[in-house]
Every structure is written in C-alpha cells, then in structure tokens.
Amino acid sequence: MIKHANNELYVCAQVPTTITAISNLAKQHLGKINVALEHQRFCQSYQQIIDAKGWGDVLEIVPCEDENDIPVALFKAETANNTKKTGAETFLIIWSFVRF
C-alpha cells in the first residue's frame, strides 16, 4: 500500500520467476543464450495473456533495469491512478532485468 496525502494505492509488484531463470541460465551458459531476446519473447507472451483476459485497465507491465527503478515505477502508477480517479487498484508486474 502506498499512501500519498489523502490517497491510498494498493500495488502488487513482482518479478516473474521465468525472468530470473532466463538470467541464471545465461550466466551458466555464457554466450549461448540471448537474454535480451528471451526476455522480450517472455514479456510479449505475458502481454498477450493480459490483453486476452481484458486485464489491461488494471494491470500494468513496467520494465525496470534494476531495483532502483522500482520506486519510480510505483510513483508513476500512483500518479496515473490518481489521474484516472476510478478507485480501481493498479497492479504492476515489475520486469527486473539482470545485465551482464
């Protein structure tokens, strides 16, 4: 939950374990796995599921290079939610991407 002035926002942020697995495999098999390409494919597949289920208005995918980007993503979600003023919760999926 994020509180700002008189507003409250509930945010669910997670890093899919598939992204972590892709990064770990790339470390073990250096040069054999194109991490950026696999990451992109996974994100596109995830977005297709979100679109098919009609969750686009309550679920937002936010790419983050590292943990330092997460507070910015949460702030942007809070700002966007306050602008919409729908009272709906916004859920984030934080894509964390390990650089080599």
PDB file of N, CA and C in Angstrom:
ATOM      1  N   MET A   1       0.849  -1.170   0.000  1.00  0.00           N
ATOM      2  CA  MET A   1       0.000   0.000   0.000  1.00  0.00           C
ATOM      3  C   MET A   1       0.897   1.237   0.000  1.00  0.00           C
ATOM      4  N   ILE A   2       0.567   2.186  -0.845  1.00  0.00           N
ATOM      5  CA  ILE A   2       1.278   3.458  -0.893  1.00  0.00           C
ATOM      6  C   ILE A   2       0.301   4.533  -0.446  1.00  0.00           C
ATOM      7  N   LYS A   3       0.722   5.357   0.497  1.00  0.00           N
ATOM      8  CA  LYS A   3      -0.117   6.472   0.933  1.00  0.00           C
ATOM      9  C   LYS A   3       0.514   7.766   0.455  1.00  0.00           C
ATOM     10  N   HIS A   4      -0.325   8.632  -0.092  1.00  0.00           N
ATOM     11  CA  HIS A   4       0.134   9.939  -0.540  1.00  0.00           C
ATOM     12  C   HIS A   4      -0.986  10.923  -0.264  1.00  0.00           C
ATOM     13  N   ALA A   5      -0.735  11.879   0.621  1.00  0.00           N
ATOM     14  CA  ALA A   5      -1.763  12.833   1.049  1.00  0.00           C
ATOM     15  C   ALA A   5      -2.951  12.036   1.593  1.00  0.00           C
ATOM     16  N   ASN A   6      -4.126  12.233   1.022  1.00  0.00           N
ATOM     17  CA  ASN A   6      -5.314  11.507   1.478  1.00  0.00           C
ATOM     18  C   ASN A   6      -5.625  10.293   0.618  1.00  0.00           C
ATOM     19  N   ASN A   7      -4.741   9.955  -0.278  1.00  0.00           N
ATOM     20  CA  ASN A   7      -4.988   8.848  -1.205  1.00  0.00           C
ATOM     21  C   ASN A   7      -4.201   7.610  -0.796  1.00  0.00           C
ATOM     22  N   GLU A   8      -4.796   6.453  -1.040  1.00  0.00           N
ATOM     23  CA  GLU A   8      -4.127   5.183  -0.810  1.00  0.00           C
ATOM     24  C   GLU A   8      -4.158   4.381  -2.101  1.00  0.00           C
ATOM     25  N   LEU A   9      -3.071   3.707  -2.384  1.00  0.00           N
ATOM     26  CA  LEU A   9      -2.995   2.874  -3.579  1.00  0.00           C
ATOM     27  C   LEU A   9      -2.387   1.536  -3.197  1.00  0.00           C
ATOM     28  N   TYR A  10      -3.043   0.472  -3.609  1.00  0.00           N
ATOM     29  CA  TYR A  10      -2.526  -0.872  -3.375  1.00  0.00           C
ATOM     30  C   TYR A  10      -1.832  -1.332  -4.649  1.00  0.00           C
ATOM     31  N   VAL A  11      -0.581  -1.667  -4.527  1.00  0.00           N
ATOM     32  CA  VAL A  11       0.212  -2.053  -5.687  1.00  0.00           C
ATOM     33  C   VAL A  11       0.790  -3.442  -5.450  1.00  0.00           C
ATOM     34  N   CYS A  12       0.610  -4.306  -6.413  1.00  0.00           N
ATOM     35  CA  CYS A  12       1.221  -5.633  -6.381  1.00  0.00           C
ATOM     36  C   CYS A  12       2.365  -5.616  -7.379  1.00  0.00           C
ATOM     37  N   ALA A  13       3.572  -5.799  -6.907  1.00  0.00           N
ATOM     38  CA  ALA A  13       4.734  -5.797  -7.793  1.00  0.00           C
ATOM     39  C   ALA A  13       5.463  -7.121  -7.640  1.00  0.00           C
ATOM     40  N   GLN A  14       5.796  -7.716  -8.739  1.00  0.00           N
ATOM     41  CA  GLN A  14       6.510  -8.988  -8.673  1.00  0.00           C
ATOM     42  C   GLN A  14       7.437  -9.132  -9.862  1.00  0.00           C
ATOM     43  N   VAL A  15       8.419  -9.977  -9.685  1.00  0.00           N
ATOM     44  CA  VAL A  15       9.318 -10.332 -10.780  1.00  0.00           C
ATOM     45  C   VAL A  15       9.020 -11.783 -11.127  1.00  0.00           C
ATOM     46  N   PRO A  16       8.497 -12.049 -12.320  1.00  0.00           N
ATOM     47  CA  PRO A  16       8.216 -13.441 -12.685  1.00  0.00           C
ATOM     48  C   PRO A  16       9.471 -14.300 -12.590  1.00  0.00           C
ATOM     49  N   THR A  17       9.320 -15.496 -12.036  1.00  0.00           N
ATOM     50  CA  THR A  17      10.482 -16.375 -11.862  1.00  0.00           C
ATOM     51  C   THR A  17      11.095 -16.783 -13.194  1.00  0.00           C
ATOM     52  N   THR A  18      10.313 -16.715 -14.265  1.00  0.00           N
ATOM     53  CA  THR A  18      10.866 -17.047 -15.582  1.00  0.00           C
ATOM     54  C   THR A  18      11.988 -16.094 -15.953  1.00  0.00           C
ATOM     55  N   ILE A  19      11.824 -14.806 -15.630  1.00  0.00           N
ATOM     56  CA  ILE A  19      12.865 -13.815 -15.932  1.00  0.00           C
ATOM     57  C   ILE A  19      14.132 -14.155 -15.159  1.00  0.00           C
ATOM     58  N   THR A  20      13.986 -14.516 -13.892  1.00  0.00           N
ATOM     59  CA  THR A  20      15.139 -14.898 -13.085  1.00  0.00           C
ATOM     60  C   THR A  20      15.806 -16.144 -13.664  1.00  0.00           C
ATOM     61  N   ALA A  21      14.997 -17.103 -14.094  1.00  0.00           N
ATOM     62  CA  ALA A  21      15.546 -18.334 -14.673  1.00  0.00           C
ATOM     63  C   ALA A  21      16.322 -18.046 -15.952  1.00  0.00           C
ATOM     64  N   ILE A  22      15.789 -17.175 -16.802  1.00  0.00           N
ATOM     65  CA  ILE A  22      16.491 -16.808 -18.044  1.00  0.00           C
ATOM     66  C   ILE A  22      17.854 -16.207 -17.712  1.00  0.00           C
ATOM     67  N   SER A  23      17.880 -15.305 -16.741  1.00  0.00           N
ATOM     68  CA  SER A  23      19.139 -14.664 -16.355  1.00  0.00           C
ATOM     69  C   SER A  23      20.126 -15.675 -15.789  1.00  0.00           C
ATOM     70  N   ASN A  24      19.647 -16.587 -14.939  1.00  0.00           N
ATOM     71  CA  ASN A  24      20.529 -17.598 -14.351  1.00  0.00           C
ATOM     72  C   ASN A  24      21.084 -18.546 -15.406  1.00  0.00           C
ATOM     73  N   LEU A  25      20.239 -18.967 -16.341  1.00  0.00           N
ATOM     74  CA  LEU A  25      20.712 -19.835 -17.422  1.00  0.00           C
ATOM     75  C   LEU A  25      21.759 -19.137 -18.275  1.00  0.00           C
ATOM     76  N   ALA A  26      21.545 -17.857 -18.527  1.00  0.00           N
ATOM     77  CA  ALA A  26      22.503 -17.105 -19.338  1.00  0.00           C
ATOM     78  C   ALA A  26      23.860 -17.020 -18.648  1.00  0.00           C
ATOM     79  N   LYS A  27      23.857 -16.900 -17.322  1.00  0.00           N
ATOM     80  CA  LYS A  27      25.119 -16.859 -16.583  1.00  0.00           C
ATOM     81  C   LYS A  27      25.848 -18.197 -16.687  1.00  0.00           C
ATOM     82  N   GLN A  28      25.086 -19.285 -16.621  1.00  0.00           N
ATOM     83  CA  GLN A  28      25.684 -20.619 -16.673  1.00  0.00           C
ATOM     84  C   GLN A  28      26.156 -20.977 -18.076  1.00  0.00           C
ATOM     85  N   HIS A  29      25.474 -20.478 -19.079  1.00  0.00           N
ATOM     86  CA  HIS A  29      25.790 -20.803 -20.474  1.00  0.00           C
ATOM     87  C   HIS A  29      26.142 -19.520 -21.226  1.00  0.00           C
ATOM     88  N   LEU A  30      27.123 -18.821 -20.728  1.00  0.00           N
ATOM     89  CA  LEU A  30      27.520 -17.519 -21.257  1.00  0.00           C
ATOM     90  C   LEU A  30      27.741 -17.567 -22.763  1.00  0.00           C
ATOM     91  N   GLY A  31      27.077 -16.676 -23.472  1.00  0.00           N
ATOM     92  CA  GLY A  31      27.224 -16.578 -24.913  1.00  0.00           C
ATOM     93  C   GLY A  31      26.305 -17.491 -25.709  1.00  0.00           C
ATOM     94  N   LYS A  32      25.616 -18.416 -25.047  1.00  0.00           N
ATOM     95  CA  LYS A  32      24.754 -19.357 -25.756  1.00  0.00           C
ATOM     96  C   LYS A  32      23.282 -18.939 -25.729  1.00  0.00           C
ATOM     97  N   ILE A  33      22.918 -18.062 -24.809  1.00  0.00           N
ATOM     98  CA  ILE A  33      21.527 -17.621 -24.683  1.00  0.00           C
ATOM     99  C   ILE A  33      21.478 -16.114 -24.864  1.00  0.00           C
ATOM    100  N   ASN A  34      20.633 -15.665 -25.768  1.00  0.00           N
ATOM    101  CA  ASN A  34      20.432 -14.234 -25.977  1.00  0.00           C
ATOM    102  C   ASN A  34      19.389 -13.768 -24.961  1.00  0.00           C
ATOM    103  N   VAL A  35      19.864 -13.247 -23.841  1.00  0.00           N
ATOM    104  CA  VAL A  35      18.983 -12.879 -22.736  1.00  0.00           C
ATOM    105  C   VAL A  35      17.969 -11.826 -23.160  1.00  0.00           C
ATOM    106  N   ALA A  36      18.415 -10.822 -23.885  1.00  0.00           N
ATOM    107  CA  ALA A  36      17.504  -9.746 -24.299  1.00  0.00           C
ATOM    108  C   ALA A  36      16.370 -10.289 -25.167  1.00  0.00           C
ATOM    109  N   LEU A  37      16.694 -11.186 -26.080  1.00  0.00           N
ATOM    110  CA  LEU A  37      15.676 -11.759 -26.958  1.00  0.00           C
ATOM    111  C   LEU A  37      14.691 -12.632 -26.176  1.00  0.00           C
ATOM    112  N   GLU A  38      15.202 -13.479 -25.296  1.00  0.00           N
ATOM    113  CA  GLU A  38      14.320 -14.337 -24.492  1.00  0.00           C
ATOM    114  C   GLU A  38      13.447 -13.500 -23.564  1.00  0.00           C
ATOM    115  N   HIS A  39      14.032 -12.469 -23.002  1.00  0.00           N
ATOM    116  CA  HIS A  39      13.286 -11.546 -22.142  1.00  0.00           C
ATOM    117  C   HIS A  39      12.151 -10.903 -22.926  1.00  0.00           C
ATOM    118  N   GLN A  40      12.437 -10.434 -24.124  1.00  0.00           N
ATOM    119  CA  GLN A  40      11.433  -9.797 -24.975  1.00  0.00           C
ATOM    120  C   GLN A  40      10.312 -10.780 -25.329  1.00  0.00           C
ATOM    121  N   ARG A  41      10.676 -11.996 -25.690  1.00  0.00           N
ATOM    122  CA  ARG A  41       9.671 -13.012 -26.036  1.00  0.00           C
ATOM    123  C   ARG A  41       8.745 -13.295 -24.858  1.00  0.00           C
ATOM    124  N   PHE A  42       9.337 -13.434 -23.682  1.00  0.00           N
ATOM    125  CA  PHE A  42       8.531 -13.717 -22.495  1.00  0.00           C
ATOM    126  C   PHE A  42       7.575 -12.563 -22.196  1.00  0.00           C
ATOM    127  N   CYS A  43       8.087 -11.339 -22.266  1.00  0.00           N
ATOM    128  CA  CYS A  43       7.245 -10.164 -21.991  1.00  0.00           C
ATOM    129  C   CYS A  43       6.093 -10.069 -22.987  1.00  0.00           C
ATOM    130  N   GLN A  44       6.355 -10.349 -24.249  1.00  0.00           N
ATOM    131  CA  GLN A  44       5.299 -10.305 -25.261  1.00  0.00           C
ATOM    132  C   GLN A  44       4.242 -11.367 -24.994  1.00  0.00           C
ATOM    133  N   SER A  45       4.674 -12.552 -24.615  1.00  0.00           N
ATOM    134  CA  SER A  45       3.724 -13.622 -24.292  1.00  0.00           C
ATOM    135  C   SER A  45       2.858 -13.235 -23.101  1.00  0.00           C
ATOM    136  N   TYR A  46       3.482 -12.658 -22.097  1.00  0.00           N
ATOM    137  CA  TYR A  46       2.760 -12.227 -20.900  1.00  0.00           C
ATOM    138  C   TYR A  46       1.744 -11.151 -21.255  1.00  0.00           C
ATOM    139  N   GLN A  47       2.136 -10.205 -22.106  1.00  0.00           N
ATOM    140  CA  GLN A  47       1.238  -9.122 -22.513  1.00  0.00           C
ATOM    141  C   GLN A  47       0.044  -9.680 -23.284  1.00  0.00           C
ATOM    142  N   GLN A  48       0.263 -10.686 -24.110  1.00  0.00           N
ATOM    143  CA  GLN A  48      -0.838 -11.298 -24.862  1.00  0.00           C
ATOM    144  C   GLN A  48      -1.868 -11.918 -23.923  1.00  0.00           C
ATOM    145  N   ILE A  49      -1.406 -12.544 -22.857  1.00  0.00           N
ATOM    146  CA  ILE A  49      -2.324 -13.126 -21.873  1.00  0.00           C
ATOM    147  C   ILE A  49      -3.126 -12.024 -21.185  1.00  0.00           C
ATOM    148  N   ILE A  50      -2.452 -10.955 -20.800  1.00  0.00           N
ATOM    149  CA  ILE A  50      -3.125  -9.829 -20.144  1.00  0.00           C
ATOM    150  C   ILE A  50      -4.194  -9.244 -21.059  1.00  0.00           C
ATOM    151  N   ASP A  51      -3.849  -9.045 -22.320  1.00  0.00           N
ATOM    152  CA  ASP A  51      -4.804  -8.489 -23.285  1.00  0.00           C
ATOM    153  C   ASP A  51      -5.987  -9.428 -23.498  1.00  0.00           C
ATOM    154  N   ALA A  52      -5.713 -10.723 -23.625  1.00  0.00           N
ATOM    155  CA  ALA A  52      -6.776 -11.703 -23.875  1.00  0.00           C
ATOM    156  C   ALA A  52      -7.760 -11.782 -22.709  1.00  0.00           C
ATOM    157  N   LYS A  53      -7.264 -11.601 -21.495  1.00  0.00           N
ATOM    158  CA  LYS A  53      -8.126 -11.670 -20.315  1.00  0.00           C
ATOM    159  C   LYS A  53      -8.826 -10.344 -20.024  1.00  0.00           C
ATOM    160  N   GLY A  54      -8.457  -9.285 -20.763  1.00  0.00           N
ATOM    161  CA  GLY A  54      -9.069  -7.979 -20.535  1.00  0.00           C
ATOM    162  C   GLY A  54      -8.586  -7.288 -19.272  1.00  0.00           C
ATOM    163  N   TRP A  55      -7.373  -7.592 -18.860  1.00  0.00           N
ATOM    164  CA  TRP A  55      -6.831  -7.016 -17.636  1.00  0.00           C
ATOM    165  C   TRP A  55      -6.026  -5.745 -17.874  1.00  0.00           C
ATOM    166  N   GLY A  56      -5.999  -5.249 -19.098  1.00  0.00           N
ATOM    167  CA  GLY A  56      -5.165  -4.105 -19.441  1.00  0.00           C
ATOM    168  C   GLY A  56      -5.464  -2.847 -18.652  1.00  0.00           C
ATOM    169  N   ASP A  57      -6.707  -2.708 -18.153  1.00  0.00           N
ATOM    170  CA  ASP A  57      -7.054  -1.491 -17.419  1.00  0.00           C
ATOM    171  C   ASP A  57      -6.659  -1.544 -15.946  1.00  0.00           C
ATOM    172  N   VAL A  58      -6.320  -2.725 -15.418  1.00  0.00           N
ATOM    173  CA  VAL A  58      -5.939  -2.824 -14.011  1.00  0.00           C
ATOM    174  C   VAL A  58      -4.548  -3.415 -13.806  1.00  0.00           C
ATOM    175  N   LEU A  59      -3.906  -3.820 -14.884  1.00  0.00           N
ATOM    176  CA  LEU A  59      -2.593  -4.442 -14.775  1.00  0.00           C
ATOM    177  C   LEU A  59      -1.632  -3.724 -15.698  1.00  0.00           C
ATOM    178  N   GLU A  60      -0.524  -3.319 -15.162  1.00  0.00           N
ATOM    179  CA  GLU A  60       0.455  -2.575 -15.948  1.00  0.00           C
ATOM    180  C   GLU A  60       1.810  -3.266 -15.860  1.00  0.00           C
ATOM    181  N   ILE A  61       2.450  -3.440 -16.995  1.00  0.00           N
ATOM    182  CA  ILE A  61       3.797  -4.004 -17.036  1.00  0.00           C
ATOM    183  C   ILE A  61       4.790  -2.853 -17.103  1.00  0.00           C
ATOM    184  N   VAL A  62       5.744  -2.871 -16.191  1.00  0.00           N
ATOM    185  CA  VAL A  62       6.728  -1.797 -16.125  1.00  0.00           C
ATOM    186  C   VAL A  62       8.122  -2.403 -16.217  1.00  0.00           C
ATOM    187  N   PRO A  63       8.866  -2.096 -17.285  1.00  0.00           N
ATOM    188  CA  PRO A  63      10.229  -2.623 -17.371  1.00  0.00           C
ATOM    189  C   PRO A  63      11.168  -1.855 -16.440  1.00  0.00           C
ATOM    190  N   CYS A  64      11.994  -2.586 -15.710  1.00  0.00           N
ATOM    191  CA  CYS A  64      12.969  -1.979 -14.808  1.00  0.00           C
ATOM    192  C   CYS A  64      14.328  -2.610 -15.068  1.00  0.00           C
ATOM    193  N   GLU A  65      15.330  -1.787 -15.155  1.00  0.00           N
ATOM    194  CA  GLU A  65      16.681  -2.303 -15.359  1.00  0.00           C
ATOM    195  C   GLU A  65      17.229  -2.924 -14.076  1.00  0.00           C
ATOM    196  N   ASP A  66      16.891  -2.342 -12.933  1.00  0.00           N
ATOM    197  CA  ASP A  66      17.335  -2.892 -11.658  1.00  0.00           C
ATOM    198  C   ASP A  66      16.387  -2.421 -10.557  1.00  0.00           C
ATOM    199  N   GLU A  67      16.714  -2.764  -9.325  1.00  0.00           N
ATOM    200  CA  GLU A  67      15.834  -2.440  -8.204  1.00  0.00           C
ATOM    201  C   GLU A  67      15.655  -0.943  -7.997  1.00  0.00           C
ATOM    202  N   ASN A  68      16.599  -0.131  -8.461  1.00  0.00           N
ATOM    203  CA  ASN A  68      16.484   1.314  -8.286  1.00  0.00           C
ATOM    204  C   ASN A  68      15.327   1.907  -9.080  1.00  0.00           C
ATOM    205  N   ASP A  69      14.885   1.212 -10.127  1.00  0.00           N
ATOM    206  CA  ASP A  69      13.772   1.699 -10.946  1.00  0.00           C
ATOM    207  C   ASP A  69      12.406   1.431 -10.315  1.00  0.00           C
ATOM    208  N   ILE A  70      12.334   0.516  -9.360  1.00  0.00           N
ATOM    209  CA  ILE A  70      11.045   0.118  -8.799  1.00  0.00           C
ATOM    210  C   ILE A  70      10.319   1.273  -8.105  1.00  0.00           C
ATOM    211  N   PRO A  71      10.979   2.087  -7.252  1.00  0.00           N
ATOM    212  CA  PRO A  71      10.247   3.207  -6.639  1.00  0.00           C
ATOM    213  C   PRO A  71       9.667   4.177  -7.669  1.00  0.00           C
ATOM    214  N   VAL A  72      10.396   4.420  -8.751  1.00  0.00           N
ATOM    215  CA  VAL A  72       9.898   5.305  -9.809  1.00  0.00           C
ATOM    216  C   VAL A  72       8.661   4.696 -10.455  1.00  0.00           C
ATOM    217  N   ALA A  73       8.698   3.390 -10.706  1.00  0.00           N
ATOM    218  CA  ALA A  73       7.547   2.702 -11.303  1.00  0.00           C
ATOM    219  C   ALA A  73       6.333   2.790 -10.390  1.00  0.00           C
ATOM    220  N   LEU A  74       6.539   2.610  -9.098  1.00  0.00           N
ATOM    221  CA  LEU A  74       5.432   2.706  -8.145  1.00  0.00           C
ATOM    222  C   LEU A  74       4.866   4.117  -8.099  1.00  0.00           C
ATOM    223  N   PHE A  75       5.744   5.117  -8.127  1.00  0.00           N
ATOM    224  CA  PHE A  75       5.283   6.504  -8.113  1.00  0.00           C
ATOM    225  C   PHE A  75       4.464   6.822  -9.361  1.00  0.00           C
ATOM    226  N   LYS A  76       4.933   6.362 -10.524  1.00  0.00           N
ATOM    227  CA  LYS A  76       4.198   6.603 -11.771  1.00  0.00           C
ATOM    228  C   LYS A  76       2.828   5.932 -11.737  1.00  0.00           C
ATOM    229  N   ALA A  77       2.764   4.727 -11.174  1.00  0.00           N
ATOM    230  CA  ALA A  77       1.478   4.026 -11.074  1.00  0.00           C
ATOM    231  C   ALA A  77       0.526   4.789 -10.169  1.00  0.00           C
ATOM    232  N   GLU A  78       1.046   5.294  -9.059  1.00  0.00           N
ATOM    233  CA  GLU A  78       0.209   6.070  -8.137  1.00  0.00           C
ATOM    234  C   GLU A  78      -0.304   7.328  -8.819  1.00  0.00           C
ATOM    235  N   THR A  79       0.560   8.029  -9.520  1.00  0.00           N
ATOM    236  CA  THR A  79       0.169   9.251 -10.220  1.00  0.00           C
ATOM    237  C   THR A  79      -0.883   8.958 -11.278  1.00  0.00           C
ATOM    238  N   ALA A  80      -0.679   7.902 -12.050  1.00  0.00           N
ATOM    239  CA  ALA A  80      -1.640   7.535 -13.093  1.00  0.00           C
ATOM    240  C   ALA A  80      -2.980   7.158 -12.484  1.00  0.00           C
ATOM    241  N   ASN A  81      -2.950   6.431 -11.370  1.00  0.00           N
ATOM    242  CA  ASN A  81      -4.188   6.015 -10.718  1.00  0.00           C
ATOM    243  C   ASN A  81      -4.948   7.221 -10.178  1.00  0.00           C
ATOM    244  N   ASN A  82      -4.230   8.180  -9.613  1.00  0.00           N
ATOM    245  CA  ASN A  82      -4.881   9.386  -9.093  1.00  0.00           C
ATOM    246  C   ASN A  82      -5.463  10.224 -10.214  1.00  0.00           C
ATOM    247  N   THR A  83      -4.823  10.210 -11.375  1.00  0.00           N
ATOM    248  CA  THR A  83      -5.326  10.952 -12.529  1.00  0.00           C
ATOM    249  C   THR A  83      -6.615  10.330 -13.041  1.00  0.00           C
ATOM    250  N   LYS A  84      -6.681   8.982 -13.051  1.00  0.00           N
ATOM    251  CA  LYS A  84      -7.879   8.285 -13.528  1.00  0.00           C
ATOM    252  C   LYS A  84      -9.056   8.472 -12.579  1.00  0.00           C
ATOM    253  N   LYS A  85      -8.759   8.508 -11.271  1.00  0.00           N
ATOM    254  CA  LYS A  85      -9.779   8.655 -10.230  1.00  0.00           C
ATOM    255  C   LYS A  85     -10.923   7.660 -10.386  1.00  0.00           C
ATOM    256  N   THR A  86     -10.596   6.435 -10.735  1.00  0.00           N
ATOM    257  CA  THR A  86     -11.627   5.407 -10.875  1.00  0.00           C
ATOM    258  C   THR A  86     -11.819   4.636  -9.581  1.00  0.00           C
ATOM    259  N   GLY A  87     -10.871   4.751  -8.681  1.00  0.00           N
ATOM    260  CA  GLY A  87     -10.938   3.987  -7.452  1.00  0.00           C
ATOM    261  C   GLY A  87     -10.451   2.556  -7.627  1.00  0.00           C
ATOM    262  N   ALA A  88     -10.080   2.200  -8.829  1.00  0.00           N
ATOM    263  CA  ALA A  88      -9.609   0.837  -9.089  1.00  0.00           C
ATOM    264  C   ALA A  88      -8.161   0.691  -8.650  1.00  0.00           C
ATOM    265  N   GLU A  89      -7.843  -0.485  -8.190  1.00  0.00           N
ATOM    266  CA  GLU A  89      -6.460  -0.757  -7.825  1.00  0.00           C
ATOM    267  C   GLU A  89      -5.634  -0.948  -9.088  1.00  0.00           C
ATOM    268  N   THR A  90      -4.385  -0.551  -9.013  1.00  0.00           N
ATOM    269  CA  THR A  90      -3.460  -0.773 -10.116  1.00  0.00           C
ATOM    270  C   THR A  90      -2.439  -1.806  -9.665  1.00  0.00           C
ATOM    271  N   PHE A  91      -2.259  -2.831 -10.456  1.00  0.00           N
ATOM    272  CA  PHE A  91      -1.277  -3.857 -10.148  1.00  0.00           C
ATOM    273  C   PHE A  91      -0.140  -3.758 -11.151  1.00  0.00           C
ATOM    274  N   LEU A  92       1.069  -3.884 -10.657  1.00  0.00           N
ATOM    275  CA  LEU A  92       2.244  -3.803 -11.522  1.00  0.00           C
ATOM    276  C   LEU A  92       2.956  -5.147 -11.567  1.00  0.00           C
ATOM    277  N   ILE A  93       3.464  -5.446 -12.722  1.00  0.00           N
ATOM    278  CA  ILE A  93       4.419  -6.539 -12.841  1.00  0.00           C
ATOM    279  C   ILE A  93       5.741  -5.869 -13.163  1.00  0.00           C
ATOM    280  N   ILE A  94       6.677  -5.989 -12.268  1.00  0.00           N
ATOM    281  CA  ILE A  94       7.968  -5.336 -12.435  1.00  0.00           C
ATOM    282  C   ILE A  94       8.915  -6.318 -13.116  1.00  0.00           C
ATOM    283  N   TRP A  95       9.314  -5.973 -14.327  1.00  0.00           N
ATOM    284  CA  TRP A  95      10.285  -6.807 -15.039  1.00  0.00           C
ATOM    285  C   TRP A  95      11.670  -6.384 -14.577  1.00  0.00           C
ATOM    286  N   SER A  96      12.326  -7.209 -13.836  1.00  0.00           N
ATOM    287  CA  SER A  96      13.691  -6.926 -13.420  1.00  0.00           C
ATOM    288  C   SER A  96      14.629  -7.628 -14.396  1.00  0.00           C
ATOM    289  N   PHE A  97      15.608  -6.918 -14.859  1.00  0.00           N
ATOM    290  CA  PHE A  97      16.472  -7.453 -15.909  1.00  0.00           C
ATOM    291  C   PHE A  97      17.915  -7.397 -15.446  1.00  0.00           C
ATOM    292  N   VAL A  98      18.558  -8.530 -15.389  1.00  0.00           N
ATOM    293  CA  VAL A  98      19.943  -8.604 -14.943  1.00  0.00           C
ATOM    294  C   VAL A  98      20.860  -8.339 -16.126  1.00  0.00           C
ATOM    295  N   ARG A  99      21.763  -7.387 -15.960  1.00  0.00           N
ATOM    296  CA  ARG A  99      22.729  -7.072 -17.019  1.00  0.00           C
ATOM    297  C   ARG A  99      24.013  -7.865 -16.790  1.00  0.00           C
ATOM    298  N   PHE A 100      24.693  -8.164 -17.878  1.00  0.00           N
ATOM    299  CA  PHE A 100      25.953  -8.918 -17.788  1.00  0.00           C
ATOM    300  C   PHE A 100      27.101  -8.055 -18.234  1.00  0.00           C
TER     301      PHE A 100
END
